[in-house]
N, C-alpha and C. Protein backbone atom coordinates (compact mmCIF):
# COMPACT_ATOMS: atom_id res chain seq x y z
N MET A 1 0.65 -0.93 0.05
CA MET A 1 0.02 -0.08 -0.11
C MET A 1 0.85 1.32 0.01
N PHE A 2 1.96 1.16 0.69
CA PHE A 2 3.13 2.45 0.56
C PHE A 2 3.17 2.63 -0.74
N PHE A 3 3.76 1.77 -1.66
CA PHE A 3 3.90 2.21 -2.90
C PHE A 3 3.03 2.51 -3.86
N GLU A 4 1.79 2.03 -3.33
CA GLU A 4 0.87 2.40 -4.18
C GLU A 4 0.30 3.62 -3.74
N ASN A 5 0.49 4.35 -2.48
CA ASN A 5 0.20 5.53 -2.21
C ASN A 5 1.29 6.61 -3.19
N LEU A 6 2.65 6.02 -2.70
CA LEU A 6 3.27 6.87 -3.49
C LEU A 6 3.62 7.47 -4.63
N LEU A 7 3.21 6.08 -5.73
CA LEU A 7 3.51 5.96 -7.18
C LEU A 7 2.02 6.32 -7.90
N MET A 8 0.98 6.10 -7.25
CA MET A 8 -0.13 6.42 -7.85
C MET A 8 -0.99 7.50 -6.94
N SER A 9 -0.48 8.13 -6.04
CA SER A 9 -1.15 9.37 -5.34
C SER A 9 -2.95 8.42 -4.97
N VAL A 10 -2.72 7.08 -4.39
CA VAL A 10 -4.02 6.76 -3.58
C VAL A 10 -4.83 7.04 -2.20
N GLY A 11 -3.66 7.32 -1.79
CA GLY A 11 -4.05 7.82 -0.19
C GLY A 11 -4.72 6.59 0.96
N HIS A 12 -4.11 5.43 0.64
CA HIS A 12 -4.47 4.55 1.59
C HIS A 12 -3.71 4.93 2.92
N GLU A 13 -4.75 4.66 4.34
CA GLU A 13 -4.26 4.97 5.24
C GLU A 13 -3.01 4.06 6.02
N LEU A 14 -1.84 4.76 6.22
CA LEU A 14 -0.74 3.56 6.56
C LEU A 14 -0.85 3.83 8.29
N LYS A 15 -1.10 2.38 8.64
CA LYS A 15 -1.27 2.05 10.03
C LYS A 15 0.19 2.29 11.07
N ASN A 16 1.24 2.35 10.68
CA ASN A 16 2.40 2.35 10.90
C ASN A 16 2.60 3.70 11.45
N ARG A 17 2.01 4.74 11.23
CA ARG A 17 1.99 6.05 11.64
C ARG A 17 1.88 6.45 13.04
N TYR A 18 1.03 5.45 13.73
CA TYR A 18 0.96 5.22 14.91
C TYR A 18 1.95 5.37 15.94
N MET A 19 3.27 4.63 15.42
CA MET A 19 4.30 3.94 16.05
C MET A 19 5.20 5.23 16.28
N HIS A 20 4.87 6.37 15.54
CA HIS A 20 5.94 7.60 15.60
C HIS A 20 6.06 8.01 17.01
N ILE A 21 7.18 8.55 17.47
CA ILE A 21 7.35 8.92 18.74
C ILE A 21 6.50 9.90 19.37
N ASP A 22 6.28 10.90 18.41
CA ASP A 22 5.15 11.82 19.06
C ASP A 22 3.64 11.49 18.65
N TYR A 23 3.06 10.42 18.84
CA TYR A 23 1.68 9.84 18.90
C TYR A 23 1.31 9.95 20.31
N GLU A 24 0.43 10.59 20.75
CA GLU A 24 0.18 10.80 21.97
C GLU A 24 -1.34 9.89 22.06
N ASN A 25 -1.48 8.93 21.47
CA ASN A 25 -3.48 8.45 21.69
C ASN A 25 -2.62 7.35 22.60
N GLN A 26 -3.30 7.00 24.11
CA GLN A 26 -3.09 6.19 24.72
C GLN A 26 -3.96 5.04 24.50
N SER A 27 -4.18 4.99 23.60
CA SER A 27 -4.99 3.18 23.20
C SER A 27 -3.89 2.76 22.22
N VAL A 28 -2.82 3.25 22.08
CA VAL A 28 -1.80 2.30 21.41
C VAL A 28 -0.94 1.65 22.76
N ILE A 29 -0.83 0.39 22.55
CA ILE A 29 0.06 -0.45 23.49
C ILE A 29 1.25 -1.04 23.36
N GLN A 30 2.14 -0.81 23.86
CA GLN A 30 3.64 -0.92 23.70
C GLN A 30 3.62 -2.25 24.54
N SER A 31 4.86 -2.96 23.58
CA SER A 31 5.07 -4.49 23.53
C SER A 31 6.13 -4.13 24.71
N ALA A 32 7.15 -3.62 24.87
CA ALA A 32 8.13 -3.27 25.62
C ALA A 32 7.66 -2.52 27.01
N ASN A 33 7.90 -2.75 28.21
CA ASN A 33 7.52 -2.31 29.15
C ASN A 33 8.77 -2.35 30.26
N ILE A 34 9.00 -1.07 30.31
CA ILE A 34 10.81 -1.10 30.99
C ILE A 34 10.20 -2.02 32.49
N SER A 35 9.56 -1.50 33.28
CA SER A 35 9.23 -1.70 34.29
C SER A 35 8.83 -3.35 34.70
N ASN A 36 8.59 -3.83 33.69
CA ASN A 36 8.25 -5.18 34.10
C ASN A 36 9.52 -6.29 33.67
N SER A 37 10.74 -5.55 33.51
CA SER A 37 12.01 -6.13 32.61
C SER A 37 12.38 -6.51 34.36
N LYS A 38 12.87 -7.71 34.97
CA LYS A 38 13.95 -7.61 36.13
C LYS A 38 15.23 -7.39 35.96
N CYS A 39 15.59 -7.13 34.67
CA CYS A 39 16.91 -6.55 34.39
C CYS A 39 17.48 -5.67 33.64
N ASN A 40 16.92 -4.35 34.14
CA ASN A 40 17.01 -3.21 33.83
C ASN A 40 18.35 -2.58 33.31
N ASN A 41 19.23 -3.51 33.70
CA ASN A 41 20.55 -2.66 33.09
C ASN A 41 21.31 -3.63 32.20
N CYS A 42 20.52 -4.98 31.48
CA CYS A 42 20.91 -5.55 30.64
C CYS A 42 20.68 -5.08 29.44
N THR A 43 21.80 -5.63 28.49
CA THR A 43 21.38 -5.67 27.08
C THR A 43 21.22 -6.77 26.19
N LEU A 44 20.80 -6.62 25.13
CA LEU A 44 19.65 -7.61 24.67
C LEU A 44 20.98 -9.03 24.37
N GLY A 45 22.45 -8.05 23.88
CA GLY A 45 23.25 -9.23 23.89
C GLY A 45 23.76 -9.95 25.29
N GLU A 46 23.40 -9.27 26.39
CA GLU A 46 23.65 -9.68 27.85
C GLU A 46 22.50 -10.80 28.08
N LEU A 47 21.40 -10.17 27.84
CA LEU A 47 20.30 -11.24 27.90
C LEU A 47 20.27 -12.76 27.34
N ALA A 48 20.97 -12.45 25.82
CA ALA A 48 20.91 -13.80 25.22
C ALA A 48 21.96 -14.74 26.07
N ILE A 49 23.14 -14.11 26.53
CA ILE A 49 24.37 -14.90 27.40
C ILE A 49 23.49 -15.31 28.19
N ILE A 50 22.81 -14.67 29.12
CA ILE A 50 22.43 -15.12 30.38
C ILE A 50 21.00 -16.22 30.10
N ASN A 51 20.28 -16.04 29.18
CA ASN A 51 19.28 -17.39 28.77
C ASN A 51 20.28 -18.33 28.64
N GLU A 52 21.26 -18.41 27.62
CA GLU A 52 22.29 -19.50 27.54
C GLU A 52 22.69 -20.11 28.70
N LEU A 53 23.04 -19.29 29.75
CA LEU A 53 23.99 -19.65 30.59
C LEU A 53 22.81 -20.53 32.12
N ILE A 54 21.39 -19.58 31.66
CA ILE A 54 20.38 -20.52 32.58
C ILE A 54 20.22 -22.09 32.09
N LYS A 55 19.91 -22.17 30.74
CA LYS A 55 20.06 -23.45 30.16
C LYS A 55 20.96 -24.55 30.30
N LYS A 56 22.20 -24.27 30.42
CA LYS A 56 23.43 -25.08 30.37
C LYS A 56 24.33 -23.85 31.02
N PRO A 57 24.53 -24.23 32.60
CA PRO A 57 25.53 -23.43 33.36
C PRO A 57 26.82 -23.95 33.17
N GLU A 58 27.26 -25.13 32.72
CA GLU A 58 28.54 -25.58 32.29
C GLU A 58 29.01 -25.44 31.17
N ILE A 59 28.32 -24.57 30.08
CA ILE A 59 28.81 -24.28 28.86
C ILE A 59 29.94 -23.25 28.84
N THR A 60 30.96 -23.81 27.91
CA THR A 60 32.07 -23.05 27.51
C THR A 60 31.97 -21.66 26.61
N GLN A 61 32.81 -20.87 26.97
CA GLN A 61 32.87 -19.58 26.09
C GLN A 61 32.66 -20.03 24.35
N LYS A 62 33.31 -21.07 24.04
CA LYS A 62 33.53 -21.26 22.80
C LYS A 62 31.96 -22.02 22.21
N GLU A 63 31.37 -22.55 23.00
CA GLU A 63 30.18 -23.30 22.74
C GLU A 63 28.84 -21.95 22.63
N LEU A 64 29.16 -21.09 23.62
CA LEU A 64 28.30 -20.00 23.52
C LEU A 64 28.30 -19.14 22.61
N ALA A 65 29.53 -18.83 21.94
CA ALA A 65 29.51 -17.89 20.85
C ALA A 65 29.31 -18.79 19.45
N SER A 66 29.27 -20.01 19.56
CA SER A 66 28.46 -20.62 18.46
C SER A 66 27.29 -20.62 18.35
N ILE A 67 26.39 -20.51 19.69
CA ILE A 67 25.01 -20.78 19.77
C ILE A 67 24.37 -19.02 19.62
N ILE A 68 25.47 -18.36 19.85
CA ILE A 68 24.61 -17.04 19.88
C ILE A 68 24.84 -16.31 18.57
N GLY A 69 26.19 -16.87 18.30
CA GLY A 69 26.57 -16.42 16.99
C GLY A 69 27.75 -14.80 16.80
N LYS A 70 28.05 -14.91 17.78
CA LYS A 70 29.11 -13.73 18.08
C LYS A 70 30.67 -14.48 18.20
N SER A 71 31.61 -13.48 18.21
CA SER A 71 33.03 -14.37 17.86
C SER A 71 33.33 -14.62 19.46
N GLU A 72 34.21 -15.57 19.74
CA GLU A 72 34.52 -15.76 21.16
C GLU A 72 35.40 -14.87 21.81
N ARG A 73 35.93 -13.70 21.11
CA ARG A 73 36.49 -12.71 21.59
C ARG A 73 35.34 -11.67 22.22
N THR A 74 34.48 -11.54 21.85
CA THR A 74 32.93 -10.76 21.93
C THR A 74 32.24 -11.69 23.61
N ILE A 75 32.36 -12.77 23.44
CA ILE A 75 31.97 -13.45 24.36
C ILE A 75 32.80 -13.30 25.53
N LYS A 76 33.64 -13.40 25.35
CA LYS A 76 34.82 -13.18 26.65
C LYS A 76 34.71 -11.76 27.35
N THR A 77 34.80 -10.86 26.14
CA THR A 77 34.71 -9.39 26.63
C THR A 77 33.33 -9.29 27.35
N ARG A 78 32.22 -9.54 26.96
CA ARG A 78 30.57 -9.64 27.42
C ARG A 78 30.92 -10.33 28.69
N THR A 79 31.38 -11.75 28.64
CA THR A 79 31.29 -12.10 30.28
C THR A 79 32.37 -11.34 31.43
N VAL A 80 33.16 -11.12 30.61
CA VAL A 80 34.23 -10.16 31.58
C VAL A 80 33.06 -9.04 32.59
N GLU A 81 32.79 -8.07 31.18
CA GLU A 81 31.52 -7.08 31.71
C GLU A 81 30.76 -7.35 32.89
N MET A 82 29.78 -8.65 32.31
CA MET A 82 28.81 -8.94 33.01
C MET A 82 29.14 -9.50 34.56
N GLN A 83 30.49 -9.80 34.56
CA GLN A 83 30.85 -9.99 35.91
C GLN A 83 31.30 -9.10 36.78
N GLU A 84 31.73 -7.99 36.06
CA GLU A 84 31.72 -6.48 36.49
C GLU A 84 30.64 -6.09 37.11
N LYS A 85 29.68 -5.97 36.26
CA LYS A 85 28.49 -5.38 36.86
C LYS A 85 27.98 -6.65 37.67
N GLY A 86 28.14 -7.75 37.85
CA GLY A 86 27.58 -8.52 38.93
C GLY A 86 26.28 -9.31 38.60
N LEU A 87 26.00 -9.42 37.33
CA LEU A 87 25.20 -10.03 36.57
C LEU A 87 25.32 -11.59 36.49
N ILE A 88 26.76 -12.06 36.43
CA ILE A 88 26.86 -13.55 36.38
C ILE A 88 28.42 -13.30 37.17
N CYS A 89 28.61 -15.10 37.85
CA CYS A 89 29.88 -15.06 38.39
C CYS A 89 30.74 -16.51 37.87
N ARG A 90 31.64 -17.04 38.25
CA ARG A 90 31.94 -18.20 37.94
C ARG A 90 32.40 -19.02 38.96
N GLU A 91 32.14 -20.11 39.11
CA GLU A 91 32.14 -20.95 40.29
C GLU A 91 33.28 -22.20 39.94
N ASN A 92 33.83 -22.45 40.54
CA ASN A 92 34.67 -23.59 40.67
C ASN A 92 35.77 -23.71 39.81
N GLY A 93 36.26 -22.69 39.46
CA GLY A 93 37.51 -22.28 38.82
C GLY A 93 36.79 -22.53 36.99
N LYS A 94 37.94 -22.22 35.81
CA LYS A 94 38.05 -21.95 34.46
C LYS A 94 37.56 -23.39 34.08
N ARG A 95 38.65 -24.34 34.37
CA ARG A 95 38.31 -25.44 33.83
C ARG A 95 37.22 -26.48 33.87
N ASN A 96 36.77 -26.65 35.26
CA ASN A 96 35.65 -27.61 35.47
C ASN A 96 34.78 -26.71 36.26
N GLY A 97 34.29 -25.51 36.08
CA GLY A 97 33.63 -24.63 36.72
C GLY A 97 32.03 -24.30 35.77
N LYS A 98 31.25 -23.73 36.69
CA LYS A 98 30.10 -23.57 36.22
C LYS A 98 29.61 -22.06 36.19
N TRP A 99 28.93 -21.61 35.50
CA TRP A 99 28.30 -20.18 35.14
C TRP A 99 26.77 -19.87 36.50
N LYS A 100 27.13 -19.14 37.12
CA LYS A 100 25.85 -18.97 37.87
C LYS A 100 25.56 -17.30 37.56
N VAL A 101 24.09 -17.12 37.27
CA VAL A 101 23.48 -15.98 37.13
C VAL A 101 22.81 -15.34 38.28
N LEU A 102 23.11 -14.36 38.63
CA LEU A 102 23.11 -13.53 39.65
C LEU A 102 21.51 -12.87 39.24
N VAL A 103 21.46 -12.70 38.49
CA VAL A 103 19.86 -11.64 38.10
C VAL A 103 18.74 -12.72 37.77
N GLU A 104 17.54 -12.02 38.02
CA GLU A 104 16.38 -13.02 37.32
C GLU A 104 15.90 -12.35 36.06
N ILE A 105 15.41 -12.80 35.32
CA ILE A 105 14.77 -12.65 34.05
C ILE A 105 13.43 -12.70 33.93
């Protein structure tokens, strides 16, 4: 319909105009509600890592990288950052340890 409006000047009402930032109608329901999130300071990448760590706490960074689709270096960087933020921690060492998630999702 957009292209029909553009090319033929038809004038169909486009529904996505209600998604603009300045739209003030209260009847529009947003799917993402920040107050419902239990991990307010998590990025989407961090949430993906946390979800995989919950499923398999003994997962290696190499396996995690292949599942999420990021490089091993990115996963190593993110896990260190997440440990500094207090989101996750490593128990029982590097070789035989497990990841522990410290936040609820």
